[in-house]
Amino acid sequence: MIRSVLASLLAVGVLAGCATVPPRVLATRTPPMPVVAVTAQVDEPVAFPLTQIADGSSSASPTESATPSAPTDTPTPPAPEPSAPASPEPTTEPVDCSKAKCVALTLDDGPVPQTAKVLDLLKKLDVKATFFVLGEMAKAHPKIVQRIVREGHAVGNHSWSHPEFWKCSKASIRKQLTKTNRLLTHLGATPTLMRPPFGEWDARVAKISRKLGLAGILWDVDPLDWKSRNTKKVVKSVLRKVKPGSIILTHDTLKTTRKAYPAIIKKLRAKGYVFVTVPELLAGELHAGGRYSNA
């Protein structure tokens, strides 16, 4: 009996191709060295727009802080069948980030049901953001993904289930990204951005991303919202670290972070900042397989 159970567990690990870490371990792990602002790193730059590529065939330490796998305070309901793709609403006049103090607000690991309230807030305040969604969460909440697209926000690929890429095989990394790309495309998004879980970017991830037409988006402002779970600390951290061209990392799956969004938006606007999507912030600079942490 024991042998059969062990054999089953081993088979699951082999098929998955990734090593997983319990959330408690991830939440207490010491954050690695912060991301250094970088320019694009590509072997063979491929300018956007890019076509979707189907499945096909030196680990490095994660950059910035290691956030828990899909931190959330909301249970995931059974996955409904995805409905028809969404059509984006007309966009407003583009912002010239060479002249304006642009920043990109990014939201990771969703969507969750409460993401709808975040979208209400963003619409009310006329803010465009970038959502790096998990495939399994998009499958559970397809209508929210369609609304994100319809209301003019950018949607990026954050993998299917948030594994640690540095413990994954190349085939598993590719599957995590291609499976999510297919679902997002079905829901009306056009994935050209990806954010590796935990910021784990290396030569393997760069090569796979380039073949899939995805630019790697990291960040330079991390309020460690997953760690503090404190709204005031999140707001204070963002205000202290932000600068023109910043990419701000947050998690809309966390109640304390959702509470922080109104203050973050209001206070940054008072300082003259303009909120744009990542593609707007890095207009003309994005290339598949490149890695970006700010403008």
Protein backbone atom coordinates (compact mmCIF):
# COMPACT_ATOMS: atom_id res chain seq x y z
CA MET A 1 0.00 0.00 0.00
CA ILE A 2 2.74 2.46 1.01
CA ARG A 3 4.74 1.62 -2.11
CA SER A 4 1.76 2.31 -4.38
CA VAL A 5 1.08 5.68 -2.72
CA LEU A 6 4.71 6.70 -3.08
CA ALA A 7 4.72 5.64 -6.70
CA SER A 8 1.62 7.73 -7.39
CA LEU A 9 3.14 10.79 -5.78
CA LEU A 10 6.33 10.36 -7.76
CA ALA A 11 4.36 10.09 -11.00
CA VAL A 12 2.50 13.32 -10.27
CA GLY A 13 5.78 15.15 -9.64
CA VAL A 14 7.29 13.89 -12.86
CA LEU A 15 4.26 14.84 -14.93
CA ALA A 16 4.06 18.29 -13.39
CA GLY A 17 7.72 19.02 -14.13
CA CYS A 18 7.85 21.64 -11.37
CA ALA A 19 8.66 21.56 -7.69
CA THR A 20 6.05 23.25 -5.55
CA VAL A 21 6.52 24.93 -2.19
CA PRO A 22 3.80 25.14 0.50
CA PRO A 23 2.42 28.70 0.92
CA ARG A 24 3.66 28.87 4.52
CA VAL A 25 7.22 28.21 3.37
CA LEU A 26 6.95 30.81 0.61
CA ALA A 27 5.53 33.44 2.93
CA THR A 28 8.47 33.16 5.33
CA ARG A 29 11.23 32.81 2.78
CA THR A 30 13.86 35.58 2.87
CA PRO A 31 13.43 37.92 -0.14
CA PRO A 32 16.36 37.78 -2.57
CA MET A 33 18.29 40.76 -3.90
CA PRO A 34 16.10 43.48 -5.50
CA VAL A 35 15.70 43.87 -9.24
CA VAL A 36 18.09 46.30 -10.88
CA ALA A 37 16.62 48.50 -13.59
CA VAL A 38 17.47 46.91 -16.89
CA THR A 39 17.01 47.42 -20.57
CA ALA A 40 15.75 44.77 -22.93
CA GLN A 41 17.83 41.59 -23.10
CA VAL A 42 17.07 39.67 -26.25
CA ASP A 43 18.89 37.22 -28.45
CA GLU A 44 16.89 38.01 -31.57
CA PRO A 45 14.48 40.95 -31.00
CA VAL A 46 11.02 40.47 -32.42
CA ALA A 47 8.98 43.64 -32.61
CA PHE A 48 5.27 43.63 -31.76
CA PRO A 49 2.64 42.91 -32.96
CA LEU A 50 3.36 39.21 -32.66
CA THR A 51 1.33 36.20 -33.64
CA GLN A 52 0.32 33.55 -31.15
CA ILE A 53 2.55 30.46 -31.21
CA ALA A 54 1.20 27.08 -30.17
CA ASP A 55 2.81 24.47 -27.91
CA GLY A 56 6.19 23.26 -29.07
CA SER A 57 9.09 21.94 -27.79
CA SER A 58 21.42 27.97 -15.68
CA SER A 59 18.62 28.39 -13.37
CA ALA A 60 18.88 31.81 -11.73
CA SER A 61 17.74 33.11 -8.38
CA PRO A 62 14.41 34.95 -8.40
CA THR A 63 14.56 38.69 -8.79
CA GLU A 64 13.07 41.10 -6.26
CA SER A 65 10.97 39.60 -3.46
CA ALA A 66 9.47 36.12 -3.51
CA THR A 67 5.72 36.55 -3.28
CA PRO A 68 3.56 33.62 -2.17
CA SER A 69 1.92 31.49 -4.82
CA ALA A 70 -1.26 33.33 -5.78
CA PRO A 71 -1.81 35.02 -2.37
CA THR A 72 -5.52 35.29 -1.84
CA ASP A 73 -8.04 35.68 0.93
CA THR A 74 -10.87 34.40 -1.25
CA PRO A 75 -11.69 30.73 -2.02
CA THR A 76 -11.89 29.87 -5.72
CA PRO A 77 -15.36 28.70 -6.89
CA PRO A 78 -15.89 25.96 -9.48
CA ALA A 79 -14.79 27.04 -12.94
CA PRO A 80 -17.65 28.04 -15.30
CA GLU A 81 -17.46 27.62 -19.05
CA PRO A 82 -15.77 30.62 -20.75
CA SER A 83 -18.21 32.76 -22.69
CA ALA A 84 -17.68 34.73 -25.90
CA PRO A 85 -14.56 36.92 -26.21
CA ALA A 86 -14.78 40.53 -25.11
CA SER A 87 -14.27 43.56 -27.34
CA PRO A 88 -12.20 46.44 -25.90
CA GLU A 89 -13.94 49.75 -25.34
CA PRO A 90 -12.60 52.75 -27.27
CA THR A 91 -9.38 54.01 -25.69
CA THR A 92 -8.72 57.61 -24.66
CA GLU A 93 -6.04 59.87 -26.11
CA PRO A 94 -2.62 58.22 -25.66
CA VAL A 95 -0.24 59.66 -23.06
CA ASP A 96 3.25 60.81 -24.06
CA CYS A 97 5.35 59.26 -21.30
CA SER A 98 8.45 61.08 -22.55
CA LYS A 99 6.82 64.22 -21.19
CA ALA A 100 4.42 62.98 -18.49
CA LYS A 101 5.32 61.35 -15.15
CA CYS A 102 3.98 57.94 -16.12
CA VAL A 103 3.72 54.91 -13.85
CA ALA A 104 2.21 51.48 -14.46
CA LEU A 105 0.08 49.88 -11.76
CA THR A 106 0.17 46.09 -12.09
CA LEU A 107 -2.07 43.58 -10.33
CA ASP A 108 -0.99 39.95 -9.97
CA ASP A 109 -2.43 36.49 -9.29
CA GLY A 110 -6.11 37.11 -10.00
CA PRO A 111 -8.74 37.49 -10.97
CA VAL A 112 -10.85 36.81 -7.88
CA PRO A 113 -14.51 37.82 -7.45
CA GLN A 114 -13.42 41.01 -5.64
CA THR A 115 -11.44 42.07 -8.72
CA ALA A 116 -14.79 43.34 -10.00
CA LYS A 117 -14.77 45.96 -7.23
CA VAL A 118 -11.24 46.97 -8.21
CA LEU A 119 -12.44 47.42 -11.79
CA ASP A 120 -15.30 49.59 -10.51
CA LEU A 121 -12.75 51.80 -8.75
CA LEU A 122 -10.43 52.03 -11.74
CA LYS A 123 -13.32 52.95 -14.00
CA LYS A 124 -14.58 55.59 -11.58
CA LEU A 125 -11.12 57.16 -11.29
CA ASP A 126 -10.33 56.72 -15.01
CA VAL A 127 -7.22 54.63 -14.38
CA LYS A 128 -5.83 52.02 -16.75
CA ALA A 129 -3.82 49.18 -15.22
CA THR A 130 -2.12 45.93 -16.21
CA PHE A 131 -3.39 42.62 -14.86
CA PHE A 132 -1.01 39.65 -14.79
CA VAL A 133 -3.47 36.81 -14.44
CA LEU A 134 -3.09 33.14 -13.61
CA GLY A 135 -4.62 30.76 -16.12
CA GLU A 136 -6.41 28.73 -13.46
CA MET A 137 -7.98 31.91 -12.04
CA ALA A 138 -8.95 33.17 -15.49
CA LYS A 139 -10.66 29.84 -16.10
CA ALA A 140 -12.57 30.23 -12.84
CA HIS A 141 -13.59 33.84 -13.57
CA PRO A 142 -13.70 34.30 -17.37
CA LYS A 143 -16.25 37.14 -17.31
CA ILE A 144 -13.94 39.24 -15.15
CA VAL A 145 -11.10 38.73 -17.61
CA GLN A 146 -13.40 39.76 -20.44
CA ARG A 147 -14.38 42.88 -18.50
CA ILE A 148 -10.70 43.73 -17.92
CA VAL A 149 -10.16 43.59 -21.68
CA ARG A 150 -13.38 45.43 -22.51
CA GLU A 151 -12.54 48.34 -20.20
CA GLY A 152 -9.17 48.96 -21.82
CA HIS A 153 -6.74 47.44 -19.34
CA ALA A 154 -3.76 45.34 -20.39
CA VAL A 155 -3.68 41.61 -19.65
CA GLY A 156 -0.47 39.68 -19.15
CA ASN A 157 0.38 35.99 -18.68
CA HIS A 158 1.46 35.07 -15.12
CA SER A 159 1.61 31.30 -15.79
CA TRP A 160 -1.17 28.79 -15.22
CA SER A 161 -0.66 27.87 -11.56
CA HIS A 162 2.22 30.03 -10.22
CA PRO A 163 4.98 27.38 -9.93
CA GLU A 164 8.60 28.22 -9.23
CA PHE A 165 10.09 28.38 -12.71
CA TRP A 166 13.62 27.77 -11.46
CA LYS A 167 12.42 24.33 -10.33
CA CYS A 168 10.57 23.59 -13.58
CA SER A 169 11.67 21.80 -16.71
CA LYS A 170 11.69 23.78 -19.96
CA ALA A 171 8.73 21.74 -21.20
CA SER A 172 6.76 22.55 -18.06
CA ILE A 173 7.51 26.28 -18.30
CA ARG A 174 6.40 26.26 -21.93
CA LYS A 175 3.18 24.43 -21.03
CA GLN A 176 2.41 26.87 -18.18
CA LEU A 177 2.65 29.80 -20.59
CA THR A 178 1.07 28.31 -23.71
CA LYS A 179 -1.95 26.95 -21.83
CA THR A 180 -2.57 30.37 -20.30
CA ASN A 181 -2.03 32.13 -23.64
CA ARG A 182 -4.66 29.97 -25.31
CA LEU A 183 -7.25 30.71 -22.65
CA LEU A 184 -6.55 34.45 -22.61
CA THR A 185 -6.77 34.57 -26.39
CA HIS A 186 -10.11 32.74 -26.23
CA LEU A 187 -11.34 35.36 -23.74
CA GLY A 188 -10.47 38.24 -26.05
CA ALA A 189 -7.02 39.26 -24.82
CA THR A 190 -3.90 39.37 -26.99
CA PRO A 191 -1.05 38.24 -24.71
CA THR A 192 2.25 39.98 -25.48
CA LEU A 193 3.39 40.32 -21.85
CA MET A 194 4.37 37.76 -19.24
CA ARG A 195 5.49 38.01 -15.63
CA PRO A 196 7.34 34.96 -14.31
CA PRO A 197 6.11 33.78 -10.90
CA PHE A 198 8.39 35.18 -8.16
CA GLY A 199 10.22 37.14 -10.86
CA GLU A 200 12.22 34.02 -11.69
CA TRP A 201 13.80 34.97 -15.01
CA ASP A 202 16.72 33.17 -16.61
CA ALA A 203 18.01 32.24 -20.08
CA ARG A 204 15.48 29.40 -20.39
CA VAL A 205 12.52 31.61 -19.57
CA ALA A 206 13.82 34.31 -21.93
CA LYS A 207 14.14 31.85 -24.83
CA ILE A 208 10.70 30.31 -24.28
CA SER A 209 9.09 33.75 -23.90
CA ARG A 210 10.69 34.97 -27.11
CA LYS A 211 9.33 31.98 -29.05
CA LEU A 212 5.87 32.61 -27.61
CA GLY A 213 5.95 36.31 -28.46
CA LEU A 214 6.02 37.47 -24.83
CA ALA A 215 8.03 40.27 -23.23
CA GLY A 216 9.08 39.67 -19.61
CA ILE A 217 7.76 42.34 -17.23
CA LEU A 218 9.24 42.60 -13.74
CA TRP A 219 8.98 45.65 -11.47
CA ASP A 220 10.95 48.27 -9.55
CA VAL A 221 8.39 49.07 -6.84
CA ASP A 222 7.43 46.22 -4.51
CA PRO A 223 5.44 47.22 -1.41
CA LEU A 224 5.64 43.62 -0.10
CA ASP A 225 1.86 43.65 0.26
CA TRP A 226 1.77 39.85 0.53
CA LYS A 227 4.04 40.05 3.57
CA SER A 228 2.73 43.00 5.56
CA ARG A 229 -0.99 42.56 4.84
CA ASN A 230 -1.25 46.16 6.06
CA THR A 231 -2.98 48.81 3.94
CA LYS A 232 -1.14 51.81 5.39
CA LYS A 233 2.26 50.14 4.97
CA VAL A 234 1.46 49.27 1.36
CA VAL A 235 0.54 52.87 0.52
CA LYS A 236 3.57 54.29 2.33
CA SER A 237 5.93 51.85 0.62
CA VAL A 238 4.64 52.67 -2.87
CA LEU A 239 4.91 56.43 -2.28
CA ARG A 240 8.45 56.08 -0.95
CA LYS A 241 9.78 53.93 -3.83
CA VAL A 242 7.96 55.27 -6.88
CA LYS A 243 9.57 57.42 -9.55
CA PRO A 244 8.66 58.36 -13.15
CA GLY A 245 8.65 55.22 -15.26
CA SER A 246 8.05 52.85 -12.35
CA ILE A 247 6.24 49.54 -12.63
CA ILE A 248 4.37 48.93 -9.37
CA LEU A 249 3.78 45.35 -8.18
CA THR A 250 0.58 44.63 -6.23
CA HIS A 251 -1.83 41.73 -5.67
CA ASP A 252 -5.54 42.39 -6.14
CA THR A 253 -6.18 39.02 -4.47
CA LEU A 254 -5.46 40.61 -1.07
CA LYS A 255 -8.11 42.58 0.81
CA THR A 256 -5.54 44.88 2.43
CA THR A 257 -4.10 45.73 -0.99
CA ARG A 258 -7.52 46.36 -2.52
CA LYS A 259 -8.11 48.86 0.29
CA ALA A 260 -4.84 50.58 -0.59
CA TYR A 261 -5.65 51.32 -4.24
CA PRO A 262 -7.77 54.49 -3.65
CA ALA A 263 -5.04 56.13 -1.56
CA ILE A 264 -2.24 55.05 -3.92
CA ILE A 265 -4.05 56.53 -6.92
CA LYS A 266 -5.11 59.73 -5.16
CA LYS A 267 -1.70 60.45 -3.60
CA LEU A 268 0.32 59.68 -6.74
CA ARG A 269 -1.96 61.86 -8.85
CA ALA A 270 -1.48 64.66 -6.34
CA LYS A 271 2.25 64.34 -7.04
CA GLY A 272 1.65 64.68 -10.76
CA TYR A 273 1.84 61.02 -11.77
CA VAL A 274 -0.19 59.60 -14.67
CA PHE A 275 -1.34 55.97 -14.69
CA VAL A 276 -0.81 54.02 -17.90
CA THR A 277 -0.64 50.38 -18.92
CA VAL A 278 2.71 48.61 -19.29
CA PRO A 279 2.48 48.67 -23.13
CA GLU A 280 1.90 52.44 -22.97
CA LEU A 281 4.75 52.94 -20.51
CA LEU A 282 7.20 50.96 -22.66
CA ALA A 283 5.83 51.98 -26.05
CA GLY A 284 8.31 51.24 -28.81
CA GLU A 285 10.66 49.38 -26.46
CA LEU A 286 8.94 46.03 -25.93
CA HIS A 287 10.40 42.98 -27.65
CA ALA A 288 9.55 39.32 -27.15
CA GLY A 289 12.08 37.70 -24.84
CA GLY A 290 13.22 41.05 -23.43
CA ARG A 291 13.16 41.73 -19.69
CA TYR A 292 11.89 45.06 -18.31
CA SER A 293 11.58 46.38 -14.78
CA ASN A 294 10.81 50.05 -15.49
CA ALA A 295 10.86 52.64 -18.27
